[in-house]
N, C-alpha and C. Protein backbone atom coordinates (compact mmCIF):
# COMPACT_ATOMS: atom_id res chain seq x y z
N MET A 1 0.82 -1.19 0.00
CA MET A 1 0.00 0.00 0.00
C MET A 1 0.87 1.26 0.00
N LYS A 2 2.00 1.20 0.75
CA LYS A 2 2.90 2.36 0.79
C LYS A 2 3.41 2.71 -0.60
N LEU A 3 3.75 1.67 -1.37
CA LEU A 3 4.28 1.93 -2.71
C LEU A 3 3.24 2.58 -3.62
N ILE A 4 2.01 2.17 -3.51
CA ILE A 4 0.96 2.75 -4.36
C ILE A 4 0.77 4.22 -4.00
N VAL A 5 0.71 4.52 -2.71
CA VAL A 5 0.57 5.91 -2.27
C VAL A 5 1.79 6.72 -2.71
N LEU A 6 2.97 6.14 -2.56
CA LEU A 6 4.20 6.83 -2.97
C LEU A 6 4.21 7.10 -4.47
N MET A 7 3.79 6.13 -5.27
CA MET A 7 3.74 6.33 -6.72
C MET A 7 2.75 7.42 -7.09
N LEU A 8 1.57 7.40 -6.49
CA LEU A 8 0.56 8.42 -6.79
C LEU A 8 1.00 9.81 -6.34
N ALA A 9 1.62 9.87 -5.16
CA ALA A 9 2.11 11.17 -4.67
C ALA A 9 3.22 11.69 -5.57
N SER A 10 4.11 10.81 -6.00
CA SER A 10 5.20 11.21 -6.90
C SER A 10 4.64 11.73 -8.21
N TRP A 11 3.66 11.02 -8.75
CA TRP A 11 3.05 11.44 -10.02
C TRP A 11 2.36 12.79 -9.86
N ALA A 12 1.65 12.99 -8.74
CA ALA A 12 0.96 14.26 -8.50
C ALA A 12 1.95 15.43 -8.40
N VAL A 13 3.06 15.22 -7.71
CA VAL A 13 4.10 16.25 -7.64
C VAL A 13 4.66 16.51 -9.03
N GLY A 14 4.81 15.46 -9.80
CA GLY A 14 5.29 15.61 -11.17
C GLY A 14 4.36 16.44 -12.03
N ILE A 15 3.07 16.23 -11.89
CA ILE A 15 2.08 17.04 -12.64
C ILE A 15 2.22 18.51 -12.26
N GLY A 16 2.34 18.76 -10.98
CA GLY A 16 2.53 20.14 -10.52
C GLY A 16 3.80 20.75 -11.09
N THR A 17 4.86 19.97 -11.13
CA THR A 17 6.13 20.44 -11.68
C THR A 17 6.01 20.72 -13.18
N TYR A 18 5.28 19.87 -13.88
CA TYR A 18 5.04 20.09 -15.31
C TYR A 18 4.37 21.45 -15.53
N LEU A 19 3.32 21.70 -14.77
CA LEU A 19 2.57 22.95 -14.92
C LEU A 19 3.40 24.16 -14.51
N LEU A 20 4.17 24.04 -13.44
CA LEU A 20 5.05 25.13 -13.02
C LEU A 20 6.15 25.38 -14.05
N SER A 21 6.70 24.32 -14.61
CA SER A 21 7.74 24.46 -15.64
C SER A 21 7.18 25.13 -16.89
N LEU A 22 5.97 24.75 -17.26
CA LEU A 22 5.32 25.37 -18.42
C LEU A 22 5.17 26.87 -18.20
N ALA A 23 4.76 27.25 -17.00
CA ALA A 23 4.58 28.68 -16.70
C ALA A 23 5.92 29.39 -16.57
N ALA A 24 6.89 28.76 -15.90
CA ALA A 24 8.17 29.42 -15.63
C ALA A 24 9.04 29.55 -16.87
N PHE A 25 9.13 28.50 -17.68
CA PHE A 25 10.04 28.52 -18.82
C PHE A 25 9.42 29.07 -20.09
N TYR A 26 8.13 28.82 -20.28
CA TYR A 26 7.49 29.21 -21.54
C TYR A 26 6.40 30.26 -21.35
N HIS A 27 6.14 30.67 -20.13
CA HIS A 27 5.13 31.69 -19.82
C HIS A 27 3.78 31.34 -20.44
N GLN A 28 3.40 30.08 -20.29
CA GLN A 28 2.14 29.60 -20.85
C GLN A 28 1.36 28.83 -19.80
N THR A 29 0.09 28.68 -20.07
CA THR A 29 -0.75 27.79 -19.29
C THR A 29 -1.23 26.70 -20.23
N THR A 30 -1.94 25.75 -19.70
CA THR A 30 -2.42 24.66 -20.53
C THR A 30 -3.94 24.70 -20.62
N SER A 31 -4.44 24.30 -21.75
CA SER A 31 -5.89 24.21 -21.91
C SER A 31 -6.38 22.95 -21.20
N SER A 32 -7.68 22.86 -21.01
CA SER A 32 -8.22 21.68 -20.33
C SER A 32 -7.98 20.42 -21.15
N GLY A 33 -8.05 20.53 -22.47
CA GLY A 33 -7.79 19.37 -23.33
C GLY A 33 -6.34 18.93 -23.25
N ASP A 34 -5.42 19.89 -23.26
CA ASP A 34 -4.01 19.54 -23.14
C ASP A 34 -3.70 18.97 -21.76
N LEU A 35 -4.33 19.52 -20.75
CA LEU A 35 -4.11 19.01 -19.40
C LEU A 35 -4.60 17.57 -19.28
N ARG A 36 -5.75 17.28 -19.86
CA ARG A 36 -6.24 15.89 -19.84
C ARG A 36 -5.27 14.97 -20.56
N ALA A 37 -4.71 15.42 -21.67
CA ALA A 37 -3.74 14.60 -22.41
C ALA A 37 -2.48 14.36 -21.58
N VAL A 38 -2.00 15.41 -20.93
CA VAL A 38 -0.80 15.26 -20.08
C VAL A 38 -1.09 14.31 -18.93
N LEU A 39 -2.24 14.47 -18.29
CA LEU A 39 -2.62 13.57 -17.19
C LEU A 39 -2.70 12.12 -17.68
N PHE A 40 -3.39 11.93 -18.80
CA PHE A 40 -3.57 10.57 -19.32
C PHE A 40 -2.24 9.92 -19.69
N TRP A 41 -1.46 10.59 -20.54
CA TRP A 41 -0.24 9.97 -21.04
C TRP A 41 0.82 9.82 -19.96
N SER A 42 0.91 10.79 -19.06
CA SER A 42 1.90 10.66 -17.98
C SER A 42 1.51 9.56 -17.01
N PHE A 43 0.21 9.42 -16.73
CA PHE A 43 -0.23 8.35 -15.84
C PHE A 43 0.00 6.99 -16.48
N LEU A 44 -0.31 6.88 -17.76
CA LEU A 44 -0.09 5.62 -18.48
C LEU A 44 1.39 5.26 -18.51
N ALA A 45 2.23 6.23 -18.82
CA ALA A 45 3.68 5.98 -18.83
C ALA A 45 4.18 5.61 -17.44
N SER A 46 3.62 6.25 -16.42
CA SER A 46 4.02 5.93 -15.05
C SER A 46 3.58 4.52 -14.66
N LEU A 47 2.39 4.13 -15.09
CA LEU A 47 1.92 2.77 -14.81
C LEU A 47 2.86 1.71 -15.37
N VAL A 48 3.45 2.01 -16.49
CA VAL A 48 4.41 1.07 -17.09
C VAL A 48 5.78 1.20 -16.43
N ALA A 49 6.23 2.43 -16.23
CA ALA A 49 7.60 2.65 -15.76
C ALA A 49 7.83 2.29 -14.30
N PHE A 50 6.87 2.57 -13.43
CA PHE A 50 7.09 2.28 -12.01
C PHE A 50 7.37 0.81 -11.75
N PRO A 51 6.50 -0.10 -12.15
CA PRO A 51 6.78 -1.50 -11.80
C PRO A 51 7.90 -2.15 -12.62
N ILE A 52 8.13 -1.65 -13.82
CA ILE A 52 9.12 -2.31 -14.68
C ILE A 52 10.51 -1.71 -14.52
N PHE A 53 10.61 -0.41 -14.27
CA PHE A 53 11.92 0.24 -14.21
C PHE A 53 12.25 0.80 -12.82
N TYR A 54 11.38 1.63 -12.29
CA TYR A 54 11.69 2.32 -11.03
C TYR A 54 11.88 1.34 -9.87
N LEU A 55 10.88 0.50 -9.61
CA LEU A 55 10.96 -0.39 -8.46
C LEU A 55 12.13 -1.37 -8.53
N PRO A 56 12.31 -2.08 -9.65
CA PRO A 56 13.47 -2.99 -9.69
C PRO A 56 14.80 -2.26 -9.49
N CYS A 57 14.93 -1.07 -10.06
CA CYS A 57 16.18 -0.32 -9.90
C CYS A 57 16.38 0.12 -8.45
N MET A 58 15.32 0.51 -7.78
CA MET A 58 15.44 0.94 -6.38
C MET A 58 15.82 -0.24 -5.48
N PHE A 59 15.19 -1.40 -5.69
CA PHE A 59 15.54 -2.56 -4.88
C PHE A 59 16.94 -3.07 -5.21
N LEU A 60 17.33 -2.99 -6.47
CA LEU A 60 18.69 -3.38 -6.85
C LEU A 60 19.71 -2.44 -6.22
N LEU A 61 19.44 -1.16 -6.26
CA LEU A 61 20.33 -0.18 -5.65
C LEU A 61 20.44 -0.42 -4.14
N ARG A 62 19.34 -0.70 -3.51
CA ARG A 62 19.36 -1.00 -2.07
C ARG A 62 20.23 -2.22 -1.79
N ARG A 63 20.13 -3.21 -2.65
CA ARG A 63 20.94 -4.42 -2.48
C ARG A 63 22.43 -4.12 -2.73
N LEU A 64 22.73 -3.31 -3.75
CA LEU A 64 24.12 -2.98 -4.06
C LEU A 64 24.77 -2.16 -2.96
N LEU A 65 24.00 -1.26 -2.34
CA LEU A 65 24.56 -0.43 -1.28
C LEU A 65 24.71 -1.20 0.03
N ARG A 66 23.96 -2.28 0.21
CA ARG A 66 24.06 -3.17 1.38
C ARG A 66 24.10 -2.41 2.71
N GLY A 67 23.20 -1.48 2.86
CA GLY A 67 23.10 -0.78 4.13
C GLY A 67 24.06 0.38 4.32
N ARG A 68 24.97 0.58 3.37
CA ARG A 68 25.86 1.74 3.49
C ARG A 68 25.05 3.00 3.23
N SER A 69 25.53 4.08 3.82
CA SER A 69 24.80 5.33 3.58
C SER A 69 24.98 5.72 2.12
N GLY A 70 23.94 6.09 1.53
CA GLY A 70 23.93 6.47 0.13
C GLY A 70 22.54 6.84 -0.29
N ALA A 71 21.80 7.44 0.64
CA ALA A 71 20.41 7.79 0.38
C ALA A 71 20.27 8.71 -0.82
N LEU A 72 21.29 9.50 -1.11
CA LEU A 72 21.24 10.42 -2.24
C LEU A 72 21.12 9.68 -3.57
N TRP A 73 21.66 8.47 -3.64
CA TRP A 73 21.64 7.72 -4.90
C TRP A 73 20.24 7.34 -5.34
N PHE A 74 19.31 7.19 -4.40
CA PHE A 74 17.96 6.77 -4.75
C PHE A 74 17.21 7.85 -5.55
N PRO A 75 17.13 9.09 -5.06
CA PRO A 75 16.46 10.10 -5.88
C PRO A 75 17.22 10.44 -7.16
N VAL A 76 18.54 10.38 -7.12
CA VAL A 76 19.33 10.65 -8.33
C VAL A 76 19.05 9.58 -9.39
N THR A 77 19.08 8.33 -8.98
CA THR A 77 18.82 7.23 -9.92
C THR A 77 17.40 7.30 -10.46
N ALA A 78 16.43 7.52 -9.57
CA ALA A 78 15.04 7.60 -10.01
C ALA A 78 14.82 8.79 -10.94
N SER A 79 15.52 9.89 -10.69
CA SER A 79 15.40 11.05 -11.59
C SER A 79 15.97 10.75 -12.96
N LEU A 80 17.11 10.06 -12.99
CA LEU A 80 17.70 9.70 -14.28
C LEU A 80 16.82 8.73 -15.06
N LEU A 81 16.06 7.92 -14.33
CA LEU A 81 15.13 7.00 -15.00
C LEU A 81 13.97 7.74 -15.66
N GLY A 82 13.86 9.05 -15.42
CA GLY A 82 12.79 9.84 -16.02
C GLY A 82 12.80 9.84 -17.53
N ILE A 83 13.91 9.46 -18.13
CA ILE A 83 13.94 9.39 -19.58
C ILE A 83 13.05 8.26 -20.09
N VAL A 84 12.85 7.23 -19.29
CA VAL A 84 12.05 6.08 -19.73
C VAL A 84 10.59 6.47 -19.97
N PRO A 85 9.89 7.05 -18.98
CA PRO A 85 8.49 7.41 -19.28
C PRO A 85 8.38 8.52 -20.33
N THR A 86 9.35 9.43 -20.38
CA THR A 86 9.33 10.46 -21.42
C THR A 86 9.46 9.81 -22.79
N PHE A 87 10.35 8.86 -22.92
CA PHE A 87 10.54 8.13 -24.16
C PHE A 87 9.25 7.39 -24.54
N LEU A 88 8.59 6.77 -23.54
CA LEU A 88 7.33 6.07 -23.81
C LEU A 88 6.26 7.03 -24.31
N ILE A 89 6.19 8.21 -23.71
CA ILE A 89 5.19 9.20 -24.13
C ILE A 89 5.47 9.69 -25.54
N VAL A 90 6.73 10.00 -25.83
CA VAL A 90 7.09 10.49 -27.17
C VAL A 90 6.80 9.43 -28.22
N LEU A 91 7.18 8.19 -27.97
CA LEU A 91 6.93 7.13 -28.95
C LEU A 91 5.44 6.83 -29.10
N SER A 92 4.69 6.92 -28.03
CA SER A 92 3.25 6.62 -28.12
C SER A 92 2.52 7.67 -28.97
N GLN A 93 3.12 8.83 -29.10
CA GLN A 93 2.52 9.90 -29.91
C GLN A 93 3.05 9.89 -31.33
N GLY A 94 3.75 8.83 -31.70
CA GLY A 94 4.28 8.73 -33.06
C GLY A 94 5.55 9.52 -33.26
N GLY A 95 6.18 9.90 -32.18
CA GLY A 95 7.39 10.71 -32.26
C GLY A 95 8.61 9.90 -32.65
N ARG A 96 9.67 10.63 -32.94
CA ARG A 96 10.95 10.03 -33.30
C ARG A 96 11.94 10.29 -32.17
N VAL A 97 13.07 9.68 -32.23
CA VAL A 97 14.09 9.84 -31.19
C VAL A 97 14.49 11.30 -31.06
N ARG A 98 14.57 12.02 -32.14
CA ARG A 98 14.97 13.43 -32.06
C ARG A 98 13.93 14.28 -31.33
N ASP A 99 12.71 13.78 -31.22
CA ASP A 99 11.67 14.50 -30.47
C ASP A 99 11.94 14.48 -28.97
N LEU A 100 12.91 13.69 -28.54
CA LEU A 100 13.27 13.65 -27.12
C LEU A 100 13.97 14.93 -26.67
N ILE A 101 14.30 15.82 -27.62
CA ILE A 101 14.90 17.09 -27.23
C ILE A 101 13.96 18.27 -27.56
N SER A 102 12.67 17.98 -27.68
CA SER A 102 11.69 19.02 -27.97
C SER A 102 11.30 19.76 -26.70
N HIS A 103 10.55 20.84 -26.87
CA HIS A 103 10.06 21.61 -25.72
C HIS A 103 9.11 20.78 -24.87
N GLU A 104 8.26 20.02 -25.54
CA GLU A 104 7.31 19.17 -24.80
C GLU A 104 8.05 18.09 -24.01
N ALA A 105 9.06 17.49 -24.62
CA ALA A 105 9.84 16.49 -23.90
C ALA A 105 10.55 17.12 -22.71
N PHE A 106 11.03 18.35 -22.85
CA PHE A 106 11.67 19.05 -21.74
C PHE A 106 10.73 19.16 -20.55
N LEU A 107 9.46 19.47 -20.81
CA LEU A 107 8.48 19.57 -19.74
C LEU A 107 8.27 18.21 -19.06
N PHE A 108 8.27 17.15 -19.85
CA PHE A 108 8.14 15.82 -19.25
C PHE A 108 9.40 15.43 -18.48
N TYR A 109 10.57 15.86 -18.94
CA TYR A 109 11.79 15.63 -18.17
C TYR A 109 11.69 16.32 -16.81
N CYS A 110 11.24 17.57 -16.81
CA CYS A 110 11.06 18.29 -15.54
C CYS A 110 10.10 17.51 -14.64
N MET A 111 9.02 17.04 -15.24
CA MET A 111 8.02 16.29 -14.48
C MET A 111 8.63 15.04 -13.86
N PHE A 112 9.31 14.25 -14.67
CA PHE A 112 9.80 12.97 -14.17
C PHE A 112 11.07 13.10 -13.32
N ILE A 113 11.76 14.22 -13.41
CA ILE A 113 12.84 14.48 -12.45
C ILE A 113 12.21 14.69 -11.06
N ALA A 114 11.15 15.47 -11.02
CA ALA A 114 10.44 15.68 -9.75
C ALA A 114 9.85 14.36 -9.24
N VAL A 115 9.28 13.58 -10.14
CA VAL A 115 8.75 12.27 -9.76
C VAL A 115 9.86 11.43 -9.15
N GLY A 116 11.02 11.43 -9.80
CA GLY A 116 12.15 10.64 -9.31
C GLY A 116 12.64 11.08 -7.95
N VAL A 117 12.72 12.37 -7.73
CA VAL A 117 13.18 12.88 -6.44
C VAL A 117 12.22 12.44 -5.33
N VAL A 118 10.92 12.66 -5.56
CA VAL A 118 9.93 12.30 -4.55
C VAL A 118 9.91 10.79 -4.34
N PHE A 119 9.92 10.03 -5.43
CA PHE A 119 9.87 8.58 -5.31
C PHE A 119 11.14 8.04 -4.64
N GLY A 120 12.30 8.56 -5.03
CA GLY A 120 13.55 8.09 -4.44
C GLY A 120 13.63 8.39 -2.96
N LEU A 121 13.24 9.60 -2.56
CA LEU A 121 13.26 9.95 -1.14
C LEU A 121 12.23 9.14 -0.36
N GLY A 122 11.06 8.95 -0.95
CA GLY A 122 10.04 8.12 -0.29
C GLY A 122 10.48 6.68 -0.16
N PHE A 123 11.15 6.18 -1.19
CA PHE A 123 11.64 4.80 -1.13
C PHE A 123 12.66 4.64 0.00
N VAL A 124 13.56 5.61 0.12
CA VAL A 124 14.53 5.56 1.22
C VAL A 124 13.81 5.59 2.56
N ARG A 125 12.82 6.43 2.65
CA ARG A 125 12.06 6.56 3.91
C ARG A 125 11.39 5.26 4.29
N PHE A 126 10.76 4.60 3.33
CA PHE A 126 9.98 3.40 3.62
C PHE A 126 10.76 2.09 3.51
N TYR A 127 11.76 2.05 2.64
CA TYR A 127 12.45 0.79 2.37
C TYR A 127 13.96 0.87 2.49
N GLY A 128 14.46 2.00 2.92
CA GLY A 128 15.91 2.17 3.02
C GLY A 128 16.48 1.45 4.23
N ARG A 129 17.74 1.67 4.44
CA ARG A 129 18.49 1.01 5.51
C ARG A 129 17.86 1.26 6.87
N HIS A 130 17.50 2.50 7.18
CA HIS A 130 16.94 2.81 8.49
C HIS A 130 15.57 2.17 8.70
N ALA A 131 14.79 2.07 7.65
CA ALA A 131 13.48 1.42 7.78
C ALA A 131 13.66 -0.05 8.12
N ASN A 132 14.62 -0.70 7.46
CA ASN A 132 14.87 -2.11 7.74
C ASN A 132 15.45 -2.30 9.14
N THR A 133 16.34 -1.41 9.55
CA THR A 133 16.94 -1.50 10.87
C THR A 133 15.87 -1.36 11.94
N TYR A 134 14.97 -0.39 11.77
CA TYR A 134 13.91 -0.19 12.75
C TYR A 134 13.02 -1.41 12.83
N GLN A 135 12.64 -1.98 11.68
CA GLN A 135 11.77 -3.14 11.68
C GLN A 135 12.44 -4.34 12.32
N SER A 136 13.72 -4.57 12.01
CA SER A 136 14.40 -5.72 12.59
C SER A 136 14.64 -5.52 14.08
N ASN A 137 14.93 -4.30 14.52
CA ASN A 137 15.09 -4.03 15.95
C ASN A 137 13.78 -4.23 16.69
N ALA A 138 12.69 -3.82 16.10
CA ALA A 138 11.38 -3.99 16.73
C ALA A 138 11.03 -5.48 16.85
N ALA A 139 11.40 -6.25 15.84
CA ALA A 139 11.12 -7.68 15.87
C ALA A 139 11.98 -8.41 16.90
N ASN A 140 13.19 -7.92 17.13
CA ASN A 140 14.11 -8.59 18.05
C ASN A 140 14.01 -8.06 19.49
N ARG A 141 13.16 -7.12 19.72
CA ARG A 141 13.03 -6.51 21.04
C ARG A 141 12.51 -7.53 22.05
N ASP A 142 13.04 -7.48 23.23
CA ASP A 142 12.63 -8.36 24.31
C ASP A 142 11.24 -7.95 24.78
N PRO A 143 10.27 -8.87 24.85
CA PRO A 143 8.89 -8.49 25.17
C PRO A 143 8.68 -8.11 26.63
N ARG A 144 9.66 -8.24 27.52
CA ARG A 144 9.49 -7.93 28.94
C ARG A 144 9.28 -6.52 29.18
């Protein structure tokens, strides 16, 4: 349940970042039709990317770090994975590889960088070294 809430919260922050980036960099707002398209395609790309790319990479990174401090690597890695859902969105719209450097792709990069930061930090909070240490200490506590 934590992962589902974390994924939805990350996506929601990403949507906000998309809209803020649109206003800050291009001084534009979005129409209701464009907003629905962004919501739909970003949610669809997230549904594919989270279980196939984000989660396995986060668990692999946790295993590679083996409890060493390195919490920064989780949001950095998840942010770098933002190219995957952006690529899925561009290809689903009939785009070409060169469209990955378009203005629209830039907005999705901003979105998925924010998604990655929130998801990576949330993952560390819920599944990182300290979360496991707390759970194992609680399990080993003397009941007296």
